[in-house]
Amino acid sequence: MIIAFSVTPMGTGESVGAGVAEAVRVIRASGLPNETNALFTTIEGEWDEVMAVIKQAIDAVMVVAPRASIVLKGDIRPGIADAMKGKVESVERHLSGRE
């Protein structure tokens, strides 16, 4: 499964970068495939392991903020691995006219 999610610290002022960094630190330490961009972090793995990492990331934010907002979007497709990379490669093939 792939989950794109954001966790936003609330109640810490205008800047949320430090709190978001705590969440990303947890995600990167998990060893699961992940990518972070300006709005979301995408993580891939089995349901239980992905959800455990998301909870840990939220918990890390809650250490530095009194409140957090989360958004999750998922692609649950049993039996598929390396989908984060494969989906992007498919789009690139279509863009290049090779498919």
N, C-alpha and C. Protein backbone atom coordinates (compact mmCIF):
# COMPACT_ATOMS: atom_id res chain seq x y z
N MET A 1 0.83 -1.18 0.00
CA MET A 1 0.00 0.00 0.00
C MET A 1 0.87 1.24 0.00
N ILE A 2 0.32 2.29 -0.56
CA ILE A 2 0.98 3.59 -0.55
C ILE A 2 0.06 4.56 0.19
N ILE A 3 0.63 5.32 1.10
CA ILE A 3 -0.13 6.37 1.78
C ILE A 3 0.62 7.68 1.60
N ALA A 4 -0.08 8.68 1.09
CA ALA A 4 0.44 10.05 1.07
C ALA A 4 -0.24 10.75 2.23
N PHE A 5 0.55 11.36 3.09
CA PHE A 5 -0.06 12.01 4.24
C PHE A 5 0.70 13.25 4.65
N SER A 6 0.00 14.09 5.36
CA SER A 6 0.64 15.25 5.97
C SER A 6 0.19 15.32 7.42
N VAL A 7 1.08 15.73 8.25
CA VAL A 7 0.76 15.99 9.65
C VAL A 7 1.27 17.41 9.92
N THR A 8 0.37 18.26 10.35
CA THR A 8 0.69 19.67 10.56
C THR A 8 0.57 20.02 12.03
N PRO A 9 1.66 20.47 12.63
CA PRO A 9 1.58 20.93 14.02
C PRO A 9 0.69 22.17 14.10
N MET A 10 -0.11 22.23 15.12
CA MET A 10 -0.97 23.40 15.33
C MET A 10 -0.70 23.97 16.71
N GLY A 11 -0.84 25.28 16.80
CA GLY A 11 -0.63 25.94 18.08
C GLY A 11 0.81 26.25 18.38
N THR A 12 1.65 26.25 17.33
CA THR A 12 3.07 26.53 17.53
C THR A 12 3.52 27.80 16.82
N GLY A 13 2.56 28.56 16.30
CA GLY A 13 2.91 29.76 15.58
C GLY A 13 2.81 29.56 14.08
N GLU A 14 3.28 30.53 13.33
CA GLU A 14 3.14 30.53 11.88
C GLU A 14 3.98 29.44 11.20
N SER A 15 5.19 29.23 11.66
CA SER A 15 6.08 28.25 11.04
C SER A 15 5.84 26.86 11.60
N VAL A 16 5.73 25.88 10.72
CA VAL A 16 5.51 24.50 11.17
C VAL A 16 6.67 23.58 10.79
N GLY A 17 7.71 24.15 10.19
CA GLY A 17 8.82 23.36 9.67
C GLY A 17 9.50 22.47 10.70
N ALA A 18 9.73 22.99 11.89
CA ALA A 18 10.43 22.20 12.91
C ALA A 18 9.61 20.98 13.33
N GLY A 19 8.32 21.17 13.49
CA GLY A 19 7.46 20.04 13.87
C GLY A 19 7.33 19.03 12.76
N VAL A 20 7.20 19.50 11.52
CA VAL A 20 7.13 18.59 10.37
C VAL A 20 8.43 17.81 10.26
N ALA A 21 9.56 18.46 10.52
CA ALA A 21 10.85 17.78 10.45
C ALA A 21 10.91 16.61 11.43
N GLU A 22 10.29 16.76 12.60
CA GLU A 22 10.26 15.65 13.56
C GLU A 22 9.51 14.45 12.99
N ALA A 23 8.41 14.71 12.30
CA ALA A 23 7.65 13.63 11.68
C ALA A 23 8.46 12.97 10.58
N VAL A 24 9.09 13.77 9.73
CA VAL A 24 9.87 13.23 8.62
C VAL A 24 11.06 12.43 9.15
N ARG A 25 11.64 12.86 10.23
CA ARG A 25 12.76 12.13 10.84
C ARG A 25 12.32 10.70 11.20
N VAL A 26 11.15 10.56 11.79
CA VAL A 26 10.61 9.25 12.16
C VAL A 26 10.37 8.41 10.90
N ILE A 27 9.79 9.01 9.89
CA ILE A 27 9.47 8.29 8.66
C ILE A 27 10.74 7.78 7.99
N ARG A 28 11.73 8.62 7.89
CA ARG A 28 12.99 8.21 7.25
C ARG A 28 13.70 7.12 8.04
N ALA A 29 13.61 7.18 9.35
CA ALA A 29 14.23 6.17 10.20
C ALA A 29 13.53 4.82 10.11
N SER A 30 12.31 4.80 9.60
CA SER A 30 11.54 3.56 9.52
C SER A 30 12.13 2.54 8.56
N GLY A 31 12.87 3.01 7.57
CA GLY A 31 13.42 2.13 6.56
C GLY A 31 12.45 1.81 5.43
N LEU A 32 11.21 2.26 5.54
CA LEU A 32 10.24 2.04 4.46
C LEU A 32 10.49 3.04 3.33
N PRO A 33 10.19 2.65 2.10
CA PRO A 33 10.33 3.60 1.00
C PRO A 33 9.48 4.84 1.27
N ASN A 34 10.05 6.02 1.08
CA ASN A 34 9.30 7.24 1.34
C ASN A 34 9.87 8.38 0.52
N GLU A 35 9.02 9.37 0.29
CA GLU A 35 9.41 10.60 -0.40
C GLU A 35 8.66 11.75 0.26
N THR A 36 9.35 12.86 0.43
CA THR A 36 8.71 14.04 1.01
C THR A 36 8.76 15.17 -0.01
N ASN A 37 7.62 15.86 -0.18
CA ASN A 37 7.60 17.05 -1.03
C ASN A 37 7.00 18.20 -0.24
N ALA A 38 6.66 19.27 -0.88
CA ALA A 38 6.21 20.47 -0.18
C ALA A 38 4.91 20.28 0.60
N LEU A 39 4.08 19.32 0.19
CA LEU A 39 2.78 19.17 0.83
C LEU A 39 2.56 17.84 1.54
N PHE A 40 3.19 16.78 1.07
CA PHE A 40 2.92 15.45 1.61
C PHE A 40 4.20 14.63 1.72
N THR A 41 4.13 13.61 2.53
CA THR A 41 5.13 12.55 2.53
C THR A 41 4.40 11.28 2.10
N THR A 42 5.01 10.55 1.18
CA THR A 42 4.45 9.30 0.70
C THR A 42 5.30 8.17 1.27
N ILE A 43 4.62 7.13 1.76
CA ILE A 43 5.30 5.99 2.37
C ILE A 43 4.67 4.72 1.83
N GLU A 44 5.49 3.68 1.65
CA GLU A 44 4.99 2.43 1.06
C GLU A 44 5.39 1.25 1.93
N GLY A 45 4.46 0.31 2.07
CA GLY A 45 4.73 -0.91 2.82
C GLY A 45 3.42 -1.63 3.10
N GLU A 46 3.49 -2.57 4.02
CA GLU A 46 2.29 -3.29 4.43
C GLU A 46 1.47 -2.44 5.38
N TRP A 47 0.17 -2.69 5.44
CA TRP A 47 -0.77 -1.88 6.23
C TRP A 47 -0.26 -1.61 7.63
N ASP A 48 0.02 -2.67 8.39
CA ASP A 48 0.39 -2.50 9.80
C ASP A 48 1.67 -1.69 9.97
N GLU A 49 2.66 -1.92 9.12
CA GLU A 49 3.91 -1.19 9.27
C GLU A 49 3.76 0.28 8.87
N VAL A 50 3.02 0.54 7.80
CA VAL A 50 2.81 1.93 7.37
C VAL A 50 2.01 2.70 8.42
N MET A 51 0.94 2.11 8.90
CA MET A 51 0.12 2.81 9.89
C MET A 51 0.87 3.03 11.21
N ALA A 52 1.74 2.09 11.57
CA ALA A 52 2.54 2.26 12.78
C ALA A 52 3.50 3.44 12.62
N VAL A 53 4.10 3.58 11.45
CA VAL A 53 5.02 4.70 11.21
C VAL A 53 4.25 6.02 11.21
N ILE A 54 3.08 6.04 10.61
CA ILE A 54 2.27 7.26 10.60
C ILE A 54 1.92 7.67 12.03
N LYS A 55 1.54 6.70 12.86
CA LYS A 55 1.23 7.01 14.26
C LYS A 55 2.47 7.55 14.98
N GLN A 56 3.62 6.95 14.75
CA GLN A 56 4.85 7.43 15.37
C GLN A 56 5.18 8.85 14.92
N ALA A 57 4.94 9.15 13.64
CA ALA A 57 5.19 10.49 13.13
C ALA A 57 4.26 11.51 13.80
N ILE A 58 3.01 11.13 13.94
CA ILE A 58 2.05 12.02 14.63
C ILE A 58 2.47 12.21 16.08
N ASP A 59 2.85 11.12 16.74
CA ASP A 59 3.30 11.21 18.13
C ASP A 59 4.50 12.15 18.26
N ALA A 60 5.42 12.11 17.29
CA ALA A 60 6.59 12.98 17.33
C ALA A 60 6.19 14.45 17.21
N VAL A 61 5.19 14.73 16.39
CA VAL A 61 4.70 16.10 16.27
C VAL A 61 4.01 16.54 17.57
N MET A 62 3.29 15.63 18.17
CA MET A 62 2.56 15.97 19.40
C MET A 62 3.49 16.27 20.58
N VAL A 63 4.75 15.88 20.48
CA VAL A 63 5.73 16.23 21.51
C VAL A 63 6.05 17.72 21.44
N VAL A 64 5.99 18.30 20.25
CA VAL A 64 6.37 19.71 20.08
C VAL A 64 5.19 20.63 19.82
N ALA A 65 3.98 20.07 19.73
CA ALA A 65 2.78 20.89 19.46
C ALA A 65 1.62 20.38 20.30
N PRO A 66 0.74 21.28 20.72
CA PRO A 66 -0.41 20.86 21.52
C PRO A 66 -1.53 20.21 20.70
N ARG A 67 -1.42 20.32 19.39
CA ARG A 67 -2.48 19.83 18.50
C ARG A 67 -1.88 19.54 17.13
N ALA A 68 -2.49 18.61 16.39
CA ALA A 68 -2.01 18.30 15.04
C ALA A 68 -3.19 18.04 14.12
N SER A 69 -3.01 18.38 12.86
CA SER A 69 -3.99 18.08 11.83
C SER A 69 -3.35 17.08 10.88
N ILE A 70 -4.13 16.06 10.46
CA ILE A 70 -3.58 15.08 9.54
C ILE A 70 -4.49 14.91 8.32
N VAL A 71 -3.87 14.60 7.19
CA VAL A 71 -4.56 14.28 5.95
C VAL A 71 -3.90 13.02 5.41
N LEU A 72 -4.73 12.03 5.04
CA LEU A 72 -4.20 10.79 4.46
C LEU A 72 -4.91 10.47 3.17
N LYS A 73 -4.15 9.98 2.20
CA LYS A 73 -4.71 9.46 0.95
C LYS A 73 -3.98 8.17 0.65
N GLY A 74 -4.73 7.11 0.36
CA GLY A 74 -4.08 5.83 0.20
C GLY A 74 -4.44 5.10 -1.08
N ASP A 75 -3.53 4.24 -1.49
CA ASP A 75 -3.74 3.32 -2.61
C ASP A 75 -3.44 1.93 -2.04
N ILE A 76 -4.50 1.19 -1.76
CA ILE A 76 -4.35 -0.12 -1.15
C ILE A 76 -4.54 -1.16 -2.25
N ARG A 77 -3.45 -1.84 -2.57
CA ARG A 77 -3.46 -2.79 -3.68
C ARG A 77 -2.60 -3.99 -3.29
N PRO A 78 -3.22 -4.98 -2.65
CA PRO A 78 -2.47 -6.15 -2.18
C PRO A 78 -1.68 -6.82 -3.30
N GLY A 79 -0.49 -7.28 -2.94
CA GLY A 79 0.35 -8.01 -3.88
C GLY A 79 1.22 -7.15 -4.77
N ILE A 80 1.11 -5.86 -4.66
CA ILE A 80 1.92 -4.95 -5.49
C ILE A 80 3.03 -4.37 -4.64
N ALA A 81 4.25 -4.43 -5.14
CA ALA A 81 5.40 -3.86 -4.43
C ALA A 81 6.06 -2.82 -5.32
N ASP A 82 6.79 -1.92 -4.72
CA ASP A 82 7.54 -0.88 -5.42
C ASP A 82 6.63 0.00 -6.28
N ALA A 83 5.42 0.22 -5.80
CA ALA A 83 4.44 1.00 -6.57
C ALA A 83 4.78 2.48 -6.62
N MET A 84 5.43 3.02 -5.60
CA MET A 84 5.79 4.44 -5.64
C MET A 84 6.63 4.72 -6.87
N LYS A 85 7.59 3.88 -7.13
CA LYS A 85 8.47 4.04 -8.29
C LYS A 85 7.75 3.65 -9.58
N GLY A 86 7.04 2.55 -9.55
CA GLY A 86 6.38 2.04 -10.74
C GLY A 86 5.32 2.97 -11.30
N LYS A 87 4.56 3.60 -10.44
CA LYS A 87 3.52 4.52 -10.91
C LYS A 87 4.13 5.72 -11.65
N VAL A 88 5.20 6.25 -11.10
CA VAL A 88 5.86 7.40 -11.73
C VAL A 88 6.48 6.97 -13.06
N GLU A 89 7.11 5.80 -13.09
CA GLU A 89 7.70 5.30 -14.34
C GLU A 89 6.64 5.13 -15.42
N SER A 90 5.46 4.66 -15.05
CA SER A 90 4.38 4.49 -16.02
C SER A 90 3.97 5.83 -16.63
N VAL A 91 3.82 6.84 -15.80
CA VAL A 91 3.46 8.17 -16.30
C VAL A 91 4.56 8.70 -17.21
N GLU A 92 5.81 8.52 -16.82
CA GLU A 92 6.92 9.00 -17.65
C GLU A 92 6.94 8.30 -19.01
N ARG A 93 6.64 6.99 -19.02
CA ARG A 93 6.57 6.27 -20.30
C ARG A 93 5.48 6.86 -21.19
N HIS A 94 4.33 7.16 -20.60
CA HIS A 94 3.24 7.76 -21.37
C HIS A 94 3.62 9.13 -21.90
N LEU A 95 4.31 9.90 -21.08
CA LEU A 95 4.74 11.23 -21.51
C LEU A 95 5.74 11.16 -22.65
N SER A 96 6.56 10.14 -22.64
CA SER A 96 7.60 10.03 -23.68
C SER A 96 7.08 9.37 -24.94
N GLY A 97 5.84 8.87 -24.89
CA GLY A 97 5.26 8.22 -26.05
C GLY A 97 5.69 6.78 -26.22
N ARG A 98 6.31 6.19 -25.20
CA ARG A 98 6.76 4.81 -25.28
C ARG A 98 5.69 3.82 -24.87
N GLU A 99 4.51 4.28 -24.54
CA GLU A 99 3.45 3.35 -24.13
C GLU A 99 2.12 3.79 -24.68
